[in-house]
Amino acid sequence: MSEFLDILTHGRRLQGAVKELSIEELEEVQEKLANIVDKRKEKALEQEKEIQEKREKLAAIKQQMEEAGLNVEDLQALSSETSKKTGKKRPVKYKLVDEKGVEHPWTGIGRMPRVYKDALDGGKSLDSFSIN
């Protein structure tokens, strides 16, 4: 695609590339390019119009907030108060300290961690790791 752009944007290369086209074919290409340019201009105008409308809405909202005695921090505080609440964490029921001195807490729910399984296989009881 970059070779196409190189030819299209370089005058002499473009002239060499289209030298075998008839005048009618060149006029068709010109019309197609003109249509593309017009559509791009329309799209750019629409985007600018949307941006302008957004700015106007923001200005109106800002004015309403000033009239009500509010500021942006009030809105931020409101959103932080209504944030999604996380569930409670389950309490730890068992705690094991391995040979390296690393603690391994476990709630007793879900798959048993390897260190607990190894300790139980070694003859210890699960109650010996209980935190009461």
N, C-alpha and C. Protein backbone atom coordinates (compact mmCIF):
# COMPACT_ATOMS: atom_id res chain seq x y z
N MET A 1 0.83 -1.19 0.00
CA MET A 1 0.00 0.00 0.00
C MET A 1 0.87 1.25 0.00
N SER A 2 2.03 1.21 0.62
CA SER A 2 2.88 2.39 0.67
C SER A 2 3.40 2.73 -0.73
N GLU A 3 3.60 1.72 -1.57
CA GLU A 3 4.04 2.01 -2.95
C GLU A 3 2.94 2.77 -3.69
N PHE A 4 1.69 2.36 -3.46
CA PHE A 4 0.56 3.06 -4.08
C PHE A 4 0.53 4.52 -3.65
N LEU A 5 0.72 4.76 -2.36
CA LEU A 5 0.72 6.14 -1.85
C LEU A 5 1.90 6.93 -2.41
N ASP A 6 3.04 6.27 -2.56
CA ASP A 6 4.20 6.95 -3.14
C ASP A 6 3.90 7.42 -4.56
N ILE A 7 3.28 6.56 -5.34
CA ILE A 7 2.94 6.91 -6.72
C ILE A 7 1.88 8.01 -6.74
N LEU A 8 0.84 7.85 -5.91
CA LEU A 8 -0.28 8.80 -5.91
C LEU A 8 0.14 10.18 -5.45
N THR A 9 1.07 10.28 -4.55
CA THR A 9 1.44 11.59 -4.01
C THR A 9 2.65 12.22 -4.71
N HIS A 10 3.27 11.52 -5.62
CA HIS A 10 4.42 12.06 -6.34
C HIS A 10 3.98 12.36 -7.77
N GLY A 11 4.07 13.62 -8.15
CA GLY A 11 3.56 14.08 -9.44
C GLY A 11 4.09 13.33 -10.65
N ARG A 12 5.37 13.19 -10.75
CA ARG A 12 5.95 12.55 -11.94
C ARG A 12 5.65 11.06 -11.97
N ARG A 13 5.70 10.42 -10.82
CA ARG A 13 5.39 8.99 -10.78
C ARG A 13 3.93 8.75 -11.13
N LEU A 14 3.05 9.62 -10.67
CA LEU A 14 1.62 9.50 -10.99
C LEU A 14 1.40 9.70 -12.48
N GLN A 15 2.06 10.70 -13.03
CA GLN A 15 1.93 10.97 -14.46
C GLN A 15 2.41 9.77 -15.28
N GLY A 16 3.48 9.14 -14.86
CA GLY A 16 3.98 7.97 -15.56
C GLY A 16 3.05 6.78 -15.42
N ALA A 17 2.41 6.65 -14.27
CA ALA A 17 1.53 5.52 -14.02
C ALA A 17 0.22 5.60 -14.79
N VAL A 18 -0.23 6.84 -15.07
CA VAL A 18 -1.52 7.00 -15.75
C VAL A 18 -1.37 7.42 -17.21
N LYS A 19 -0.18 7.34 -17.77
CA LYS A 19 0.03 7.83 -19.14
C LYS A 19 -0.73 7.00 -20.17
N GLU A 20 -1.07 5.76 -19.87
CA GLU A 20 -1.78 4.93 -20.82
C GLU A 20 -3.29 5.07 -20.70
N LEU A 21 -3.78 5.82 -19.70
CA LEU A 21 -5.23 6.00 -19.52
C LEU A 21 -5.74 7.07 -20.48
N SER A 22 -6.99 6.86 -20.93
CA SER A 22 -7.60 7.87 -21.81
C SER A 22 -8.11 9.03 -20.97
N ILE A 23 -8.48 10.10 -21.64
CA ILE A 23 -8.99 11.28 -20.94
C ILE A 23 -10.27 10.93 -20.18
N GLU A 24 -11.13 10.11 -20.78
CA GLU A 24 -12.38 9.71 -20.11
C GLU A 24 -12.08 8.93 -18.83
N GLU A 25 -11.11 8.03 -18.89
CA GLU A 25 -10.74 7.26 -17.71
C GLU A 25 -10.15 8.16 -16.63
N LEU A 26 -9.33 9.11 -17.05
CA LEU A 26 -8.77 10.06 -16.09
C LEU A 26 -9.87 10.89 -15.44
N GLU A 27 -10.87 11.28 -16.21
CA GLU A 27 -11.98 12.06 -15.65
C GLU A 27 -12.78 11.23 -14.67
N GLU A 28 -12.95 9.93 -14.94
CA GLU A 28 -13.64 9.04 -14.00
C GLU A 28 -12.86 8.95 -12.69
N VAL A 29 -11.55 8.80 -12.79
CA VAL A 29 -10.71 8.74 -11.60
C VAL A 29 -10.82 10.05 -10.82
N GLN A 30 -10.82 11.15 -11.55
CA GLN A 30 -10.93 12.46 -10.91
C GLN A 30 -12.26 12.57 -10.16
N GLU A 31 -13.37 12.11 -10.77
CA GLU A 31 -14.67 12.16 -10.11
C GLU A 31 -14.69 11.29 -8.85
N LYS A 32 -14.10 10.11 -8.95
CA LYS A 32 -14.08 9.22 -7.80
C LYS A 32 -13.27 9.83 -6.66
N LEU A 33 -12.13 10.42 -6.99
CA LEU A 33 -11.32 11.07 -5.95
C LEU A 33 -12.06 12.27 -5.35
N ALA A 34 -12.77 13.01 -6.20
CA ALA A 34 -13.54 14.16 -5.71
C ALA A 34 -14.63 13.69 -4.75
N ASN A 35 -15.29 12.57 -5.06
CA ASN A 35 -16.32 12.03 -4.17
C ASN A 35 -15.72 11.63 -2.83
N ILE A 36 -14.55 11.01 -2.88
CA ILE A 36 -13.89 10.60 -1.64
C ILE A 36 -13.53 11.81 -0.80
N VAL A 37 -13.01 12.84 -1.43
CA VAL A 37 -12.65 14.07 -0.72
C VAL A 37 -13.89 14.72 -0.11
N ASP A 38 -14.99 14.77 -0.88
CA ASP A 38 -16.23 15.37 -0.36
C ASP A 38 -16.74 14.61 0.86
N LYS A 39 -16.72 13.28 0.78
CA LYS A 39 -17.19 12.48 1.91
C LYS A 39 -16.32 12.70 3.14
N ARG A 40 -15.02 12.80 2.95
CA ARG A 40 -14.12 13.05 4.08
C ARG A 40 -14.40 14.41 4.71
N LYS A 41 -14.65 15.41 3.86
CA LYS A 41 -14.95 16.75 4.38
C LYS A 41 -16.25 16.74 5.17
N GLU A 42 -17.27 16.03 4.64
CA GLU A 42 -18.55 15.93 5.36
C GLU A 42 -18.36 15.25 6.72
N LYS A 43 -17.58 14.19 6.71
CA LYS A 43 -17.33 13.47 7.96
C LYS A 43 -16.59 14.35 8.96
N ALA A 44 -15.62 15.10 8.49
CA ALA A 44 -14.88 16.00 9.38
C ALA A 44 -15.80 17.08 9.95
N LEU A 45 -16.71 17.60 9.11
CA LEU A 45 -17.65 18.61 9.60
C LEU A 45 -18.59 18.01 10.64
N GLU A 46 -19.05 16.78 10.41
CA GLU A 46 -19.93 16.12 11.38
C GLU A 46 -19.21 15.92 12.71
N GLN A 47 -17.96 15.49 12.65
CA GLN A 47 -17.21 15.29 13.88
C GLN A 47 -17.00 16.60 14.62
N GLU A 48 -16.70 17.66 13.90
CA GLU A 48 -16.52 18.97 14.53
C GLU A 48 -17.82 19.45 15.15
N LYS A 49 -18.94 19.18 14.46
CA LYS A 49 -20.24 19.56 14.99
C LYS A 49 -20.54 18.79 16.28
N GLU A 50 -20.23 17.49 16.31
CA GLU A 50 -20.45 16.70 17.51
C GLU A 50 -19.59 17.21 18.67
N ILE A 51 -18.36 17.55 18.38
CA ILE A 51 -17.46 18.08 19.41
C ILE A 51 -18.01 19.40 19.95
N GLN A 52 -18.50 20.24 19.07
CA GLN A 52 -19.05 21.54 19.48
C GLN A 52 -20.29 21.33 20.34
N GLU A 53 -21.17 20.39 19.95
CA GLU A 53 -22.36 20.11 20.74
C GLU A 53 -21.98 19.58 22.13
N LYS A 54 -20.96 18.74 22.18
CA LYS A 54 -20.50 18.21 23.45
C LYS A 54 -19.97 19.33 24.34
N ARG A 55 -19.21 20.25 23.75
CA ARG A 55 -18.69 21.39 24.52
C ARG A 55 -19.83 22.24 25.07
N GLU A 56 -20.85 22.45 24.24
CA GLU A 56 -22.00 23.25 24.69
C GLU A 56 -22.73 22.56 25.83
N LYS A 57 -22.90 21.24 25.72
CA LYS A 57 -23.57 20.50 26.80
C LYS A 57 -22.76 20.57 28.09
N LEU A 58 -21.44 20.43 27.96
CA LEU A 58 -20.58 20.53 29.15
C LEU A 58 -20.66 21.91 29.78
N ALA A 59 -20.70 22.95 28.95
CA ALA A 59 -20.80 24.31 29.48
C ALA A 59 -22.13 24.50 30.20
N ALA A 60 -23.21 23.94 29.64
CA ALA A 60 -24.51 24.06 30.28
C ALA A 60 -24.53 23.31 31.61
N ILE A 61 -23.94 22.14 31.64
CA ILE A 61 -23.89 21.37 32.89
C ILE A 61 -23.04 22.09 33.92
N LYS A 62 -21.93 22.65 33.48
CA LYS A 62 -21.07 23.41 34.40
C LYS A 62 -21.82 24.59 35.00
N GLN A 63 -22.59 25.27 34.16
CA GLN A 63 -23.36 26.42 34.65
C GLN A 63 -24.41 25.95 35.66
N GLN A 64 -25.08 24.84 35.37
CA GLN A 64 -26.07 24.31 36.30
C GLN A 64 -25.43 23.92 37.63
N MET A 65 -24.24 23.34 37.56
CA MET A 65 -23.55 22.95 38.78
C MET A 65 -23.16 24.18 39.60
N GLU A 66 -22.69 25.23 38.92
CA GLU A 66 -22.32 26.45 39.63
C GLU A 66 -23.53 27.09 40.28
N GLU A 67 -24.67 27.07 39.58
CA GLU A 67 -25.89 27.64 40.14
C GLU A 67 -26.36 26.85 41.35
N ALA A 68 -26.11 25.54 41.34
CA ALA A 68 -26.53 24.68 42.45
C ALA A 68 -25.49 24.66 43.57
N GLY A 69 -24.33 25.28 43.34
CA GLY A 69 -23.28 25.31 44.36
C GLY A 69 -22.49 24.01 44.45
N LEU A 70 -22.41 23.29 43.34
CA LEU A 70 -21.68 22.01 43.31
C LEU A 70 -20.41 22.16 42.49
N ASN A 71 -19.49 21.23 42.74
CA ASN A 71 -18.28 21.20 41.92
C ASN A 71 -17.97 19.75 41.55
N VAL A 72 -16.91 19.55 40.79
CA VAL A 72 -16.56 18.22 40.28
C VAL A 72 -16.24 17.25 41.43
N GLU A 73 -15.63 17.75 42.48
CA GLU A 73 -15.28 16.90 43.60
C GLU A 73 -16.52 16.28 44.24
N ASP A 74 -17.64 17.03 44.25
CA ASP A 74 -18.88 16.50 44.79
C ASP A 74 -19.34 15.29 43.98
N LEU A 75 -19.21 15.38 42.67
CA LEU A 75 -19.60 14.26 41.81
C LEU A 75 -18.67 13.06 42.00
N GLN A 76 -17.39 13.34 42.15
CA GLN A 76 -16.44 12.25 42.36
C GLN A 76 -16.70 11.56 43.70
N ALA A 77 -17.03 12.33 44.72
CA ALA A 77 -17.33 11.75 46.02
C ALA A 77 -18.58 10.88 45.93
N LEU A 78 -19.55 11.32 45.14
CA LEU A 78 -20.78 10.56 44.97
C LEU A 78 -20.50 9.23 44.29
N SER A 79 -19.66 9.23 43.27
CA SER A 79 -19.37 7.99 42.56
C SER A 79 -18.55 7.03 43.42
N SER A 80 -17.69 7.55 44.28
CA SER A 80 -16.90 6.66 45.13
C SER A 80 -17.76 6.05 46.23
N GLU A 81 -18.80 6.76 46.66
CA GLU A 81 -19.69 6.23 47.69
C GLU A 81 -20.54 5.09 47.14
N THR A 82 -20.91 5.17 45.89
CA THR A 82 -21.80 4.17 45.30
C THR A 82 -21.04 3.12 44.52
N SER A 83 -19.75 3.01 44.77
CA SER A 83 -18.96 2.02 44.04
C SER A 83 -19.37 0.62 44.45
N LYS A 84 -19.02 -0.33 43.63
CA LYS A 84 -19.40 -1.72 43.86
C LYS A 84 -18.77 -2.22 45.17
N LYS A 85 -19.61 -2.79 45.97
CA LYS A 85 -19.12 -3.30 47.25
C LYS A 85 -18.61 -4.72 47.05
N THR A 86 -17.49 -5.01 47.66
CA THR A 86 -16.93 -6.35 47.56
C THR A 86 -17.45 -7.19 48.71
N GLY A 87 -17.49 -8.47 48.51
CA GLY A 87 -17.97 -9.36 49.55
C GLY A 87 -16.98 -9.48 50.68
N LYS A 88 -17.48 -10.01 51.79
CA LYS A 88 -16.60 -10.20 52.94
C LYS A 88 -15.62 -11.31 52.63
N LYS A 89 -14.44 -11.17 53.17
CA LYS A 89 -13.47 -12.25 53.05
C LYS A 89 -13.80 -13.28 54.11
N ARG A 90 -13.59 -14.51 53.76
CA ARG A 90 -13.83 -15.59 54.72
C ARG A 90 -12.72 -15.60 55.76
N PRO A 91 -13.06 -15.92 56.98
CA PRO A 91 -12.03 -15.96 58.01
C PRO A 91 -11.11 -17.16 57.82
N VAL A 92 -9.87 -16.98 58.20
CA VAL A 92 -8.88 -18.05 58.12
C VAL A 92 -9.14 -19.02 59.27
N LYS A 93 -9.25 -20.32 58.94
CA LYS A 93 -9.49 -21.34 59.97
C LYS A 93 -8.23 -22.10 60.33
N TYR A 94 -7.31 -22.18 59.37
CA TYR A 94 -6.09 -22.97 59.59
C TYR A 94 -4.87 -22.15 59.22
N LYS A 95 -3.81 -22.38 59.97
CA LYS A 95 -2.54 -21.72 59.66
C LYS A 95 -1.41 -22.72 59.88
N LEU A 96 -0.57 -22.85 58.86
CA LEU A 96 0.54 -23.78 58.93
C LEU A 96 1.82 -23.01 58.66
N VAL A 97 2.85 -23.27 59.46
CA VAL A 97 4.15 -22.65 59.25
C VAL A 97 5.09 -23.76 58.78
N ASP A 98 5.65 -23.60 57.57
CA ASP A 98 6.51 -24.64 57.03
C ASP A 98 7.93 -24.55 57.58
N GLU A 99 8.82 -25.41 57.09
CA GLU A 99 10.19 -25.47 57.59
C GLU A 99 10.95 -24.17 57.35
N LYS A 100 10.58 -23.44 56.34
CA LYS A 100 11.26 -22.19 56.01
C LYS A 100 10.72 -21.01 56.82
N GLY A 101 9.69 -21.23 57.60
CA GLY A 101 9.12 -20.17 58.42
C GLY A 101 8.03 -19.38 57.70
N VAL A 102 7.57 -19.89 56.58
CA VAL A 102 6.53 -19.20 55.82
C VAL A 102 5.16 -19.65 56.31
N GLU A 103 4.27 -18.67 56.58
CA GLU A 103 2.92 -19.00 57.02
C GLU A 103 2.04 -19.28 55.81
N HIS A 104 1.17 -20.28 55.96
CA HIS A 104 0.23 -20.64 54.91
C HIS A 104 -1.18 -20.64 55.49
N PRO A 105 -1.91 -19.53 55.38
CA PRO A 105 -3.28 -19.51 55.90
C PRO A 105 -4.24 -20.20 54.92
N TRP A 106 -5.32 -20.78 55.48
CA TRP A 106 -6.31 -21.45 54.64
C TRP A 106 -7.66 -21.34 55.31
N THR A 107 -8.70 -21.04 54.54
CA THR A 107 -10.04 -20.87 55.09
C THR A 107 -10.73 -22.20 55.32
N GLY A 108 -10.22 -23.27 54.75
CA GLY A 108 -10.85 -24.57 54.89
C GLY A 108 -11.84 -24.84 53.78
N ILE A 109 -11.94 -23.90 52.85
CA ILE A 109 -12.87 -24.03 51.73
C ILE A 109 -12.06 -24.16 50.45
N GLY A 110 -12.53 -25.00 49.56
CA GLY A 110 -11.83 -25.18 48.30
C GLY A 110 -10.79 -26.28 48.40
N ARG A 111 -10.01 -26.42 47.38
CA ARG A 111 -8.99 -27.46 47.34
C ARG A 111 -7.95 -27.23 48.43
N MET A 112 -7.58 -28.30 49.08
CA MET A 112 -6.59 -28.21 50.16
C MET A 112 -5.22 -27.89 49.57
N PRO A 113 -4.54 -26.88 50.11
CA PRO A 113 -3.20 -26.55 49.62
C PRO A 113 -2.23 -27.71 49.81
N ARG A 114 -1.24 -27.76 48.95
CA ARG A 114 -0.26 -28.85 48.93
C ARG A 114 0.46 -29.00 50.28
N VAL A 115 0.81 -27.87 50.92
CA VAL A 115 1.55 -27.97 52.19
C VAL A 115 0.71 -28.66 53.26
N TYR A 116 -0.60 -28.43 53.26
CA TYR A 116 -1.47 -29.09 54.23
C TYR A 116 -1.59 -30.58 53.90
N LYS A 117 -1.73 -30.88 52.64
CA LYS A 117 -1.84 -32.28 52.21
C LYS A 117 -0.57 -33.05 52.57
N ASP A 118 0.59 -32.43 52.33
CA ASP A 118 1.85 -33.08 52.67
C ASP A 118 1.96 -33.31 54.18
N ALA A 119 1.51 -32.33 54.96
CA ALA A 119 1.58 -32.46 56.42
C ALA A 119 0.65 -33.56 56.91
N LEU A 120 -0.54 -33.65 56.33
CA LEU A 120 -1.49 -34.69 56.71
C LEU A 120 -0.96 -36.07 56.31
N ASP A 121 -0.33 -36.14 55.14
CA ASP A 121 0.28 -37.41 54.71
C ASP A 121 1.44 -37.79 55.64
N GLY A 122 2.05 -36.81 56.26
CA GLY A 122 3.16 -37.04 57.18
C GLY A 122 2.70 -37.47 58.57
N GLY A 123 1.39 -37.58 58.78
CA GLY A 123 0.88 -38.07 60.06
C GLY A 123 0.29 -37.00 60.96
N LYS A 124 0.29 -35.75 60.57
CA LYS A 124 -0.29 -34.70 61.42
C LYS A 124 -1.79 -34.64 61.20
N SER A 125 -2.46 -34.00 62.13
CA SER A 125 -3.92 -33.86 62.06
C SER A 125 -4.26 -32.44 61.64
N LEU A 126 -5.39 -32.28 60.92
CA LEU A 126 -5.84 -30.96 60.49
C LEU A 126 -6.17 -30.08 61.68
N ASP A 127 -6.62 -30.69 62.76
CA ASP A 127 -6.95 -29.93 63.97
C ASP A 127 -5.72 -29.27 64.59
N SER A 128 -4.54 -29.81 64.33
CA SER A 128 -3.33 -29.21 64.90
C SER A 128 -3.01 -27.87 64.25
N PHE A 129 -3.59 -27.59 63.09
CA PHE A 129 -3.37 -26.31 62.41
C PHE A 129 -4.52 -25.34 62.63
N SER A 130 -5.52 -25.73 63.36
CA SER A 130 -6.71 -24.92 63.57
C SER A 130 -6.37 -23.68 64.39
N ILE A 131 -7.03 -22.57 64.05
CA ILE A 131 -6.80 -21.30 64.77
C ILE A 131 -7.87 -21.14 65.83
N ASN A 132 -8.65 -21.62 66.28
CA ASN A 132 -9.74 -21.39 67.23
C ASN A 132 -9.97 -19.99 67.51
